[in-house]
Amino acid sequence: VPLYRKPATPCGPLRERYPPSSGGLEEDERNALSISAGYQY
């Protein structure tokens, strides 16, 4: 399981699902790991 990071921390240009937004924002919700939990995860 990845370490904790602030919400909306971007994952960089190599992420497939949502490439980073233009401008290199410090917060990018679509390009980041979602901070969530559920049954057995």
PDB file of all heavy atoms in Angstrom:
ATOM      1  N   VAL A   1       0.854  -1.188   0.000  1.00  0.00           N
ATOM      2  CA  VAL A   1       0.000   0.000   0.000  1.00  0.00           C
ATOM      3  C   VAL A   1       0.893   1.242   0.000  1.00  0.00           C
ATOM      4  O   VAL A   1       1.826   1.335   0.795  1.00  0.00           O
ATOM      5  CB  VAL A   1      -0.931  -0.004   1.228  1.00  0.00           C
ATOM      6  CG1 VAL A   1      -1.871   1.200   1.182  1.00  0.00           C
ATOM      7  CG2 VAL A   1      -1.730  -1.302   1.293  1.00  0.00           C
ATOM      8  N   PRO A   2       0.644   2.211  -0.875  1.00  0.00           N
ATOM      9  CA  PRO A   2       1.480   3.421  -0.924  1.00  0.00           C
ATOM     10  C   PRO A   2       1.427   4.210   0.381  1.00  0.00           C
ATOM     11  O   PRO A   2       0.484   4.105   1.175  1.00  0.00           O
ATOM     12  CB  PRO A   2       0.865   4.218  -2.081  1.00  0.00           C
ATOM     13  CG  PRO A   2       0.134   3.214  -2.910  1.00  0.00           C
ATOM     14  CD  PRO A   2      -0.361   2.176  -1.946  1.00  0.00           C
ATOM     15  N   LEU A   3       2.478   4.998   0.600  1.00  0.00           N
ATOM     16  CA  LEU A   3       2.537   5.861   1.772  1.00  0.00           C
ATOM     17  C   LEU A   3       1.540   7.012   1.653  1.00  0.00           C
ATOM     18  O   LEU A   3       1.061   7.351   0.567  1.00  0.00           O
ATOM     19  CB  LEU A   3       3.948   6.425   1.946  1.00  0.00           C
ATOM     20  CG  LEU A   3       5.092   5.420   2.156  1.00  0.00           C
ATOM     21  CD1 LEU A   3       6.407   6.173   2.337  1.00  0.00           C
ATOM     22  CD2 LEU A   3       4.818   4.509   3.340  1.00  0.00           C
ATOM     23  N   TYR A   4       1.284   7.594   2.784  1.00  0.00           N
ATOM     24  CA  TYR A   4       0.354   8.729   2.820  1.00  0.00           C
ATOM     25  C   TYR A   4       0.945   9.926   2.078  1.00  0.00           C
ATOM     26  O   TYR A   4       2.148  10.151   2.062  1.00  0.00           O
ATOM     27  CB  TYR A   4       0.067   9.114   4.276  1.00  0.00           C
ATOM     28  CG  TYR A   4      -0.801  10.340   4.413  1.00  0.00           C
ATOM     29  CD1 TYR A   4      -2.183  10.251   4.312  1.00  0.00           C
ATOM     30  CD2 TYR A   4      -0.220  11.596   4.629  1.00  0.00           C
ATOM     31  CE1 TYR A   4      -2.977  11.383   4.422  1.00  0.00           C
ATOM     32  CE2 TYR A   4      -1.002  12.733   4.749  1.00  0.00           C
ATOM     33  CZ  TYR A   4      -2.385  12.614   4.634  1.00  0.00           C
ATOM     34  OH  TYR A   4      -3.172  13.746   4.745  1.00  0.00           O
ATOM     35  N   ARG A   5       0.065  10.659   1.427  1.00  0.00           N
ATOM     36  CA  ARG A   5       0.427  11.937   0.823  1.00  0.00           C
ATOM     37  C   ARG A   5      -0.795  12.839   0.884  1.00  0.00           C
ATOM     38  O   ARG A   5      -1.940  12.370   1.077  1.00  0.00           O
ATOM     39  CB  ARG A   5       0.927  11.765  -0.615  1.00  0.00           C
ATOM     40  CG  ARG A   5      -0.092  11.465  -1.687  1.00  0.00           C
ATOM     41  CD  ARG A   5      -0.538   9.990  -1.697  1.00  0.00           C
ATOM     42  NE  ARG A   5       0.521   9.030  -1.621  1.00  0.00           N
ATOM     43  CZ  ARG A   5       1.192   8.578  -2.696  1.00  0.00           C
ATOM     44  NH1 ARG A   5       0.890   9.042  -3.894  1.00  0.00           N
ATOM     45  NH2 ARG A   5       2.106   7.644  -2.555  1.00  0.00           N
ATOM     46  N   LYS A   6      -0.586  14.120   0.748  1.00  0.00           N
ATOM     47  CA  LYS A   6      -1.699  15.058   0.793  1.00  0.00           C
ATOM     48  C   LYS A   6      -2.661  14.774  -0.358  1.00  0.00           C
ATOM     49  O   LYS A   6      -2.243  14.346  -1.437  1.00  0.00           O
ATOM     50  CB  LYS A   6      -1.184  16.495   0.693  1.00  0.00           C
ATOM     51  CG  LYS A   6      -0.347  16.942   1.880  1.00  0.00           C
ATOM     52  CD  LYS A   6       0.123  18.378   1.698  1.00  0.00           C
ATOM     53  CE  LYS A   6       0.958  18.837   2.879  1.00  0.00           C
ATOM     54  NZ  LYS A   6       1.438  20.246   2.713  1.00  0.00           N
ATOM     55  N   PRO A   7      -3.944  15.000  -0.162  1.00  0.00           N
ATOM     56  CA  PRO A   7      -4.893  14.807  -1.262  1.00  0.00           C
ATOM     57  C   PRO A   7      -4.523  15.668  -2.468  1.00  0.00           C
ATOM     58  O   PRO A   7      -3.983  16.761  -2.335  1.00  0.00           O
ATOM     59  CB  PRO A   7      -6.235  15.229  -0.653  1.00  0.00           C
ATOM     60  CG  PRO A   7      -6.061  15.048   0.819  1.00  0.00           C
ATOM     61  CD  PRO A   7      -4.623  15.368   1.109  1.00  0.00           C
ATOM     62  N   ALA A   8      -4.798  15.138  -3.643  1.00  0.00           N
ATOM     63  CA  ALA A   8      -4.557  15.818  -4.921  1.00  0.00           C
ATOM     64  C   ALA A   8      -3.079  15.983  -5.243  1.00  0.00           C
ATOM     65  O   ALA A   8      -2.710  16.806  -6.085  1.00  0.00           O
ATOM     66  CB  ALA A   8      -5.246  17.178  -4.955  1.00  0.00           C
ATOM     67  N   THR A   9      -2.205  15.193  -4.598  1.00  0.00           N
ATOM     68  CA  THR A   9      -0.787  15.241  -4.949  1.00  0.00           C
ATOM     69  C   THR A   9      -0.591  14.573  -6.305  1.00  0.00           C
ATOM     70  O   THR A   9      -0.897  13.386  -6.460  1.00  0.00           O
ATOM     71  CB  THR A   9       0.063  14.532  -3.887  1.00  0.00           C
ATOM     72  OG1 THR A   9      -0.133  15.154  -2.623  1.00  0.00           O
ATOM     73  CG2 THR A   9       1.536  14.577  -4.254  1.00  0.00           C
ATOM     74  N   PRO A  10      -0.109  15.286  -7.319  1.00  0.00           N
ATOM     75  CA  PRO A  10      -0.013  14.712  -8.669  1.00  0.00           C
ATOM     76  C   PRO A  10       0.996  13.570  -8.738  1.00  0.00           C
ATOM     77  O   PRO A  10       1.981  13.533  -8.010  1.00  0.00           O
ATOM     78  CB  PRO A  10       0.416  15.899  -9.537  1.00  0.00           C
ATOM     79  CG  PRO A  10       1.057  16.859  -8.593  1.00  0.00           C
ATOM     80  CD  PRO A  10       0.362  16.684  -7.276  1.00  0.00           C
ATOM     81  N   CYS A  11       0.714  12.631  -9.646  1.00  0.00           N
ATOM     82  CA  CYS A  11       1.561  11.449  -9.813  1.00  0.00           C
ATOM     83  C   CYS A  11       2.557  11.572 -10.951  1.00  0.00           C
ATOM     84  O   CYS A  11       3.378  10.670 -11.156  1.00  0.00           O
ATOM     85  CB  CYS A  11       0.692  10.217 -10.042  1.00  0.00           C
ATOM     86  SG  CYS A  11      -0.215   9.661  -8.583  1.00  0.00           S
ATOM     87  N   GLY A  12       2.498  12.633 -11.723  1.00  0.00           N
ATOM     88  CA  GLY A  12       3.489  12.832 -12.771  1.00  0.00           C
ATOM     89  C   GLY A  12       2.988  12.458 -14.153  1.00  0.00           C
ATOM     90  O   GLY A  12       1.891  11.926 -14.337  1.00  0.00           O
ATOM     91  N   PRO A  13       3.810  12.723 -15.162  1.00  0.00           N
ATOM     92  CA  PRO A  13       3.381  12.555 -16.561  1.00  0.00           C
ATOM     93  C   PRO A  13       3.274  11.113 -17.034  1.00  0.00           C
ATOM     94  O   PRO A  13       2.702  10.855 -18.096  1.00  0.00           O
ATOM     95  CB  PRO A  13       4.470  13.303 -17.339  1.00  0.00           C
ATOM     96  CG  PRO A  13       5.677  13.215 -16.463  1.00  0.00           C
ATOM     97  CD  PRO A  13       5.166  13.266 -15.055  1.00  0.00           C
ATOM     98  N   LEU A  14       3.822  10.148 -16.309  1.00  0.00           N
ATOM     99  CA  LEU A  14       3.796   8.760 -16.748  1.00  0.00           C
ATOM    100  C   LEU A  14       2.544   8.009 -16.299  1.00  0.00           C
ATOM    101  O   LEU A  14       2.401   6.831 -16.610  1.00  0.00           O
ATOM    102  CB  LEU A  14       5.041   8.025 -16.239  1.00  0.00           C
ATOM    103  CG  LEU A  14       6.378   8.560 -16.747  1.00  0.00           C
ATOM    104  CD1 LEU A  14       7.532   7.747 -16.170  1.00  0.00           C
ATOM    105  CD2 LEU A  14       6.424   8.559 -18.271  1.00  0.00           C
ATOM    106  N   ARG A  15       1.662   8.685 -15.613  1.00  0.00           N
ATOM    107  CA  ARG A  15       0.411   8.053 -15.193  1.00  0.00           C
ATOM    108  C   ARG A  15      -0.513   7.939 -16.400  1.00  0.00           C
ATOM    109  O   ARG A  15      -0.712   8.896 -17.151  1.00  0.00           O
ATOM    110  CB  ARG A  15      -0.238   8.852 -14.071  1.00  0.00           C
ATOM    111  CG  ARG A  15      -1.439   8.162 -13.434  1.00  0.00           C
ATOM    112  CD  ARG A  15      -1.804   8.864 -12.127  1.00  0.00           C
ATOM    113  NE  ARG A  15      -2.969   8.311 -11.479  1.00  0.00           N
ATOM    114  CZ  ARG A  15      -2.981   7.228 -10.723  1.00  0.00           C
ATOM    115  NH1 ARG A  15      -1.830   6.576 -10.539  1.00  0.00           N
ATOM    116  NH2 ARG A  15      -4.070   6.784 -10.151  1.00  0.00           N
ATOM    117  N   GLU A  16      -1.122   6.773 -16.576  1.00  0.00           N
ATOM    118  CA  GLU A  16      -1.909   6.513 -17.777  1.00  0.00           C
ATOM    119  C   GLU A  16      -3.315   7.085 -17.713  1.00  0.00           C
ATOM    120  O   GLU A  16      -3.800   7.665 -18.688  1.00  0.00           O
ATOM    121  CB  GLU A  16      -1.991   4.995 -18.016  1.00  0.00           C
ATOM    122  CG  GLU A  16      -2.875   4.595 -19.179  1.00  0.00           C
ATOM    123  CD  GLU A  16      -3.017   3.092 -19.300  1.00  0.00           C
ATOM    124  OE1 GLU A  16      -2.106   2.353 -18.865  1.00  0.00           O
ATOM    125  OE2 GLU A  16      -4.055   2.652 -19.822  1.00  0.00           O
ATOM    126  N   ARG A  17      -3.974   6.942 -16.587  1.00  0.00           N
ATOM    127  CA  ARG A  17      -5.407   7.250 -16.536  1.00  0.00           C
ATOM    128  C   ARG A  17      -5.698   8.712 -16.859  1.00  0.00           C
ATOM    129  O   ARG A  17      -6.495   9.023 -17.719  1.00  0.00           O
ATOM    130  CB  ARG A  17      -5.952   6.898 -15.150  1.00  0.00           C
ATOM    131  CG  ARG A  17      -6.012   5.397 -14.897  1.00  0.00           C
ATOM    132  CD  ARG A  17      -6.376   5.113 -13.459  1.00  0.00           C
ATOM    133  NE  ARG A  17      -6.393   3.677 -13.186  1.00  0.00           N
ATOM    134  CZ  ARG A  17      -6.366   3.162 -11.963  1.00  0.00           C
ATOM    135  NH1 ARG A  17      -6.299   3.969 -10.913  1.00  0.00           N
ATOM    136  NH2 ARG A  17      -6.395   1.858 -11.792  1.00  0.00           N
ATOM    137  N   TYR A  18      -5.027   9.604 -16.147  1.00  0.00           N
ATOM    138  CA  TYR A  18      -5.254  11.035 -16.365  1.00  0.00           C
ATOM    139  C   TYR A  18      -3.906  11.734 -16.387  1.00  0.00           C
ATOM    140  O   TYR A  18      -3.290  11.930 -15.338  1.00  0.00           O
ATOM    141  CB  TYR A  18      -6.134  11.626 -15.261  1.00  0.00           C
ATOM    142  CG  TYR A  18      -7.490  10.982 -15.162  1.00  0.00           C
ATOM    143  CD1 TYR A  18      -7.796  10.117 -14.119  1.00  0.00           C
ATOM    144  CD2 TYR A  18      -8.470  11.239 -16.122  1.00  0.00           C
ATOM    145  CE1 TYR A  18      -9.042   9.522 -14.027  1.00  0.00           C
ATOM    146  CE2 TYR A  18      -9.719  10.644 -16.032  1.00  0.00           C
ATOM    147  CZ  TYR A  18      -9.999   9.787 -14.987  1.00  0.00           C
ATOM    148  OH  TYR A  18     -11.230   9.192 -14.906  1.00  0.00           O
ATOM    149  N   PRO A  19      -3.418  12.083 -17.556  1.00  0.00           N
ATOM    150  CA  PRO A  19      -2.156  12.835 -17.616  1.00  0.00           C
ATOM    151  C   PRO A  19      -2.277  14.140 -16.832  1.00  0.00           C
ATOM    152  O   PRO A  19      -3.379  14.649 -16.618  1.00  0.00           O
ATOM    153  CB  PRO A  19      -1.974  13.096 -19.114  1.00  0.00           C
ATOM    154  CG  PRO A  19      -2.800  12.051 -19.781  1.00  0.00           C
ATOM    155  CD  PRO A  19      -3.964  11.801 -18.868  1.00  0.00           C
ATOM    156  N   PRO A  20      -1.148  14.651 -16.371  1.00  0.00           N
ATOM    157  CA  PRO A  20      -1.218  15.872 -15.548  1.00  0.00           C
ATOM    158  C   PRO A  20      -1.778  17.053 -16.324  1.00  0.00           C
ATOM    159  O   PRO A  20      -1.644  17.156 -17.546  1.00  0.00           O
ATOM    160  CB  PRO A  20       0.244  16.099 -15.141  1.00  0.00           C
ATOM    161  CG  PRO A  20       1.046  15.388 -16.189  1.00  0.00           C
ATOM    162  CD  PRO A  20       0.228  14.201 -16.589  1.00  0.00           C
ATOM    163  N   SER A  21      -2.414  17.931 -15.589  1.00  0.00           N
ATOM    164  CA  SER A  21      -2.944  19.147 -16.203  1.00  0.00           C
ATOM    165  C   SER A  21      -1.803  20.039 -16.648  1.00  0.00           C
ATOM    166  O   SER A  21      -0.679  19.958 -16.146  1.00  0.00           O
ATOM    167  CB  SER A  21      -3.835  19.895 -15.210  1.00  0.00           C
ATOM    168  OG  SER A  21      -4.885  19.066 -14.752  1.00  0.00           O
ATOM    169  N   SER A  22      -2.080  20.885 -17.607  1.00  0.00           N
ATOM    170  CA  SER A  22      -1.052  21.789 -18.116  1.00  0.00           C
ATOM    171  C   SER A  22      -0.661  22.792 -17.035  1.00  0.00           C
ATOM    172  O   SER A  22      -1.476  23.213 -16.227  1.00  0.00           O
ATOM    173  CB  SER A  22      -1.582  22.532 -19.349  1.00  0.00           C
ATOM    174  OG  SER A  22      -2.743  23.272 -19.023  1.00  0.00           O
ATOM    175  N   GLY A  23       0.612  23.137 -17.029  1.00  0.00           N
ATOM    176  CA  GLY A  23       1.089  24.127 -16.081  1.00  0.00           C
ATOM    177  C   GLY A  23       1.790  23.544 -14.889  1.00  0.00           C
ATOM    178  O   GLY A  23       2.381  24.277 -14.098  1.00  0.00           O
ATOM    179  N   GLY A  24       1.772  22.192 -14.700  1.00  0.00           N
ATOM    180  CA  GLY A  24       2.474  21.595 -13.573  1.00  0.00           C
ATOM    181  C   GLY A  24       1.951  22.054 -12.231  1.00  0.00           C
ATOM    182  O   GLY A  24       2.707  22.553 -11.387  1.00  0.00           O
ATOM    183  N   LEU A  25       0.657  21.881 -11.996  1.00  0.00           N
ATOM    184  CA  LEU A  25       0.055  22.335 -10.745  1.00  0.00           C
ATOM    185  C   LEU A  25       0.548  21.500  -9.578  1.00  0.00           C
ATOM    186  O   LEU A  25       0.863  20.316  -9.711  1.00  0.00           O
ATOM    187  CB  LEU A  25      -1.471  22.245 -10.846  1.00  0.00           C
ATOM    188  CG  LEU A  25      -2.129  23.051 -11.985  1.00  0.00           C
ATOM    189  CD1 LEU A  25      -3.632  22.805 -11.988  1.00  0.00           C
ATOM    190  CD2 LEU A  25      -1.824  24.530 -11.823  1.00  0.00           C
ATOM    191  N   GLU A  26       0.616  22.094  -8.406  1.00  0.00           N
ATOM    192  CA  GLU A  26       0.999  21.370  -7.201  1.00  0.00           C
ATOM    193  C   GLU A  26      -0.113  20.442  -6.735  1.00  0.00           C
ATOM    194  O   GLU A  26       0.151  19.465  -6.040  1.00  0.00           O
ATOM    195  CB  GLU A  26       1.359  22.349  -6.087  1.00  0.00           C
ATOM    196  CG  GLU A  26       2.625  23.165  -6.369  1.00  0.00           C
ATOM    197  CD  GLU A  26       3.012  24.012  -5.186  1.00  0.00           C
ATOM    198  OE1 GLU A  26       2.305  23.927  -4.156  1.00  0.00           O
ATOM    199  OE2 GLU A  26       4.001  24.760  -5.273  1.00  0.00           O
ATOM    200  N   GLU A  27      -1.342  20.741  -7.099  1.00  0.00           N
ATOM    201  CA  GLU A  27      -2.475  19.883  -6.776  1.00  0.00           C
ATOM    202  C   GLU A  27      -3.228  19.569  -8.064  1.00  0.00           C
ATOM    203  O   GLU A  27      -3.579  20.461  -8.827  1.00  0.00           O
ATOM    204  CB  GLU A  27      -3.409  20.559  -5.759  1.00  0.00           C
ATOM    205  CG  GLU A  27      -2.779  20.768  -4.399  1.00  0.00           C
ATOM    206  CD  GLU A  27      -3.792  21.312  -3.390  1.00  0.00           C
ATOM    207  OE1 GLU A  27      -4.966  21.503  -3.792  1.00  0.00           O
ATOM    208  OE2 GLU A  27      -3.400  21.540  -2.233  1.00  0.00           O
ATOM    209  N   ASP A  28      -3.429  18.287  -8.291  1.00  0.00           N
ATOM    210  CA  ASP A  28      -4.123  17.841  -9.506  1.00  0.00           C
ATOM    211  C   ASP A  28      -4.948  16.620  -9.120  1.00  0.00           C
ATOM    212  O   ASP A  28      -4.435  15.498  -9.054  1.00  0.00           O
ATOM    213  CB  ASP A  28      -3.109  17.508 -10.603  1.00  0.00           C
ATOM    214  CG  ASP A  28      -3.763  17.295 -11.954  1.00  0.00           C
ATOM    215  OD1 ASP A  28      -5.000  17.157 -12.008  1.00  0.00           O
ATOM    216  OD2 ASP A  28      -3.037  17.269 -12.965  1.00  0.00           O
ATOM    217  N   GLU A  29      -6.211  16.820  -8.899  1.00  0.00           N
ATOM    218  CA  GLU A  29      -7.079  15.765  -8.380  1.00  0.00           C
ATOM    219  C   GLU A  29      -7.171  14.580  -9.338  1.00  0.00           C
ATOM    220  O   GLU A  29      -7.161  13.420  -8.910  1.00  0.00           O
ATOM    221  CB  GLU A  29      -8.476  16.335  -8.109  1.00  0.00           C
ATOM    222  CG  GLU A  29      -9.425  15.359  -7.437  1.00  0.00           C
ATOM    223  CD  GLU A  29      -9.024  15.064  -5.992  1.00  0.00           C
ATOM    224  OE1 GLU A  29      -8.480  15.960  -5.326  1.00  0.00           O
ATOM    225  OE2 GLU A  29      -9.243  13.923  -5.548  1.00  0.00           O
ATOM    226  N   ARG A  30      -7.269  14.849 -10.633  1.00  0.00           N
ATOM    227  CA  ARG A  30      -7.440  13.765 -11.599  1.00  0.00           C
ATOM    228  C   ARG A  30      -6.169  12.938 -11.754  1.00  0.00           C
ATOM    229  O   ARG A  30      -6.229  11.732 -12.010  1.00  0.00           O
ATOM    230  CB  ARG A  30      -7.850  14.342 -12.955  1.00  0.00           C
ATOM    231  CG  ARG A  30      -9.235  14.956 -12.973  1.00  0.00           C
ATOM    232  CD  ARG A  30      -9.474  15.738 -14.259  1.00  0.00           C
ATOM    233  NE  ARG A  30      -9.320  14.914 -15.442  1.00  0.00           N
ATOM    234  CZ  ARG A  30     -10.302  14.180 -15.981  1.00  0.00           C
ATOM    235  NH1 ARG A  30     -11.503  14.174 -15.421  1.00  0.00           N
ATOM    236  NH2 ARG A  30     -10.096  13.458 -17.065  1.00  0.00           N
ATOM    237  N   ASN A  31      -5.017  13.551 -11.608  1.00  0.00           N
ATOM    238  CA  ASN A  31      -3.751  12.868 -11.797  1.00  0.00           C
ATOM    239  C   ASN A  31      -3.229  12.217 -10.521  1.00  0.00           C
ATOM    240  O   ASN A  31      -2.207  11.542 -10.544  1.00  0.00           O
ATOM    241  CB  ASN A  31      -2.707  13.868 -12.332  1.00  0.00           C
ATOM    242  CG  ASN A  31      -1.382  13.218 -12.669  1.00  0.00           C
ATOM    243  OD1 ASN A  31      -0.375  13.458 -12.015  1.00  0.00           O
ATOM    244  ND2 ASN A  31      -1.369  12.382 -13.698  1.00  0.00           N
ATOM    245  N   ALA A  32      -3.946  12.361  -9.416  1.00  0.00           N
ATOM    246  CA  ALA A  32      -3.459  11.900  -8.113  1.00  0.00           C
ATOM    247  C   ALA A  32      -4.129  10.595  -7.696  1.00  0.00           C
ATOM    248  O   ALA A  32      -5.163  10.196  -8.249  1.00  0.00           O
ATOM    249  CB  ALA A  32      -3.713  12.970  -7.057  1.00  0.00           C
ATOM    250  N   LEU A  33      -3.514   9.922  -6.706  1.00  0.00           N
ATOM    251  CA  LEU A  33      -4.155   8.787  -6.057  1.00  0.00           C
ATOM    252  C   LEU A  33      -5.308   9.297  -5.195  1.00  0.00           C
ATOM    253  O   LEU A  33      -5.163  10.293  -4.489  1.00  0.00           O
ATOM    254  CB  LEU A  33      -3.163   8.031  -5.167  1.00  0.00           C
ATOM    255  CG  LEU A  33      -2.415   6.843  -5.781  1.00  0.00           C
ATOM    256  CD1 LEU A  33      -1.455   7.320  -6.861  1.00  0.00           C
ATOM    257  CD2 LEU A  33      -1.650   6.085  -4.696  1.00  0.00           C
ATOM    258  N   SER A  34      -6.419   8.608  -5.268  1.00  0.00           N
ATOM    259  CA  SER A  34      -7.553   9.002  -4.431  1.00  0.00           C
ATOM    260  C   SER A  34      -7.326   8.526  -3.002  1.00  0.00           C
ATOM    261  O   SER A  34      -6.830   7.420  -2.770  1.00  0.00           O
ATOM    262  CB  SER A  34      -8.854   8.399  -4.971  1.00  0.00           C
ATOM    263  OG  SER A  34      -8.794   6.986  -4.958  1.00  0.00           O
ATOM    264  N   ILE A  35      -7.652   9.385  -2.046  1.00  0.00           N
ATOM    265  CA  ILE A  35      -7.515   9.028  -0.630  1.00  0.00           C
ATOM    266  C   ILE A  35      -8.862   8.465  -0.180  1.00  0.00           C
ATOM    267  O   ILE A  35      -9.791   9.193   0.173  1.00  0.00           O
ATOM    268  CB  ILE A  35      -7.127  10.256   0.218  1.00  0.00           C
ATOM    269  CG1 ILE A  35      -5.921  10.973  -0.420  1.00  0.00           C
ATOM    270  CG2 ILE A  35      -6.815   9.841   1.637  1.00  0.00           C
ATOM    271  CD1 ILE A  35      -4.687  10.134  -0.541  1.00  0.00           C
ATOM    272  N   SER A  36      -8.999   7.153  -0.259  1.00  0.00           N
ATOM    273  CA  SER A  36     -10.280   6.511   0.051  1.00  0.00           C
ATOM    274  C   SER A  36     -10.022   5.127   0.617  1.00  0.00           C
ATOM    275  O   SER A  36      -8.899   4.619   0.588  1.00  0.00           O
ATOM    276  CB  SER A  36     -11.162   6.433  -1.201  1.00  0.00           C
ATOM    277  OG  SER A  36     -10.510   5.691  -2.219  1.00  0.00           O
ATOM    278  N   ALA A  37     -11.078   4.514   1.141  1.00  0.00           N
ATOM    279  CA  ALA A  37     -10.988   3.188   1.743  1.00  0.00           C
ATOM    280  C   ALA A  37     -12.339   2.498   1.607  1.00  0.00           C
ATOM    281  O   ALA A  37     -13.360   3.122   1.309  1.00  0.00           O
ATOM    282  CB  ALA A  37     -10.567   3.268   3.212  1.00  0.00           C
ATOM    283  N   GLY A  38     -12.350   1.183   1.769  1.00  0.00           N
ATOM    284  CA  GLY A  38     -13.568   0.393   1.673  1.00  0.00           C
ATOM    285  C   GLY A  38     -13.344  -0.998   2.209  1.00  0.00           C
ATOM    286  O   GLY A  38     -12.424  -1.237   2.998  1.00  0.00           O
ATOM    287  N   TYR A  39     -14.199  -1.934   1.747  1.00  0.00           N
ATOM    288  CA  TYR A  39     -14.101  -3.308   2.229  1.00  0.00           C
ATOM    289  C   TYR A  39     -12.762  -3.918   1.812  1.00  0.00           C
ATOM    290  O   TYR A  39     -12.463  -4.063   0.632  1.00  0.00           O
ATOM    291  CB  TYR A  39     -15.252  -4.146   1.665  1.00  0.00           C
ATOM    292  CG  TYR A  39     -15.122  -5.626   1.951  1.00  0.00           C
ATOM    293  CD1 TYR A  39     -15.335  -6.129   3.237  1.00  0.00           C
ATOM    294  CD2 TYR A  39     -14.774  -6.517   0.950  1.00  0.00           C
ATOM    295  CE1 TYR A  39     -15.204  -7.478   3.502  1.00  0.00           C
ATOM    296  CE2 TYR A  39     -14.647  -7.875   1.196  1.00  0.00           C
ATOM    297  CZ  TYR A  39     -14.858  -8.351   2.479  1.00  0.00           C
ATOM    298  OH  TYR A  39     -14.733  -9.692   2.743  1.00  0.00           O
ATOM    299  N   GLN A  40     -11.949  -4.239   2.780  1.00  0.00           N
ATOM    300  CA  GLN A  40     -10.675  -4.923   2.602  1.00  0.00           C
ATOM    301  C   GLN A  40      -9.687  -4.138   1.724  1.00  0.00           C
ATOM    302  O   GLN A  40      -8.828  -4.738   1.077  1.00  0.00           O
ATOM    303  CB  GLN A  40     -10.894  -6.319   1.999  1.00  0.00           C
ATOM    304  CG  GLN A  40     -11.700  -7.261   2.871  1.00  0.00           C
ATOM    305  CD  GLN A  40     -10.894  -7.879   3.998  1.00  0.00           C
ATOM    306  OE1 GLN A  40     -10.046  -7.241   4.594  1.00  0.00           O
ATOM    307  NE2 GLN A  40     -11.177  -9.135   4.309  1.00  0.00           N
ATOM    308  N   TYR A  41      -9.798  -2.821   1.703  1.00  0.00           N
ATOM    309  CA  TYR A  41      -8.787  -2.055   0.974  1.00  0.00           C
ATOM    310  C   TYR A  41      -8.691  -0.648   1.546  1.00  0.00           C
ATOM    311  O   TYR A  41      -9.600  -0.135   2.205  1.00  0.00           O
ATOM    312  CB  TYR A  41      -9.113  -1.980  -0.529  1.00  0.00           C
ATOM    313  CG  TYR A  41     -10.101  -0.901  -0.904  1.00  0.00           C
ATOM    314  CD1 TYR A  41      -9.679   0.371  -1.289  1.00  0.00           C
ATOM    315  CD2 TYR A  41     -11.472  -1.150  -0.880  1.00  0.00           C
ATOM    316  CE1 TYR A  41     -10.583   1.366  -1.632  1.00  0.00           C
ATOM    317  CE2 TYR A  41     -12.391  -0.172  -1.221  1.00  0.00           C
ATOM    318  CZ  TYR A  41     -11.943   1.081  -1.597  1.00  0.00           C
ATOM    319  OH  TYR A  41     -12.842   2.056  -1.935  1.00  0.00           O
TER     320      TYR A  41
END
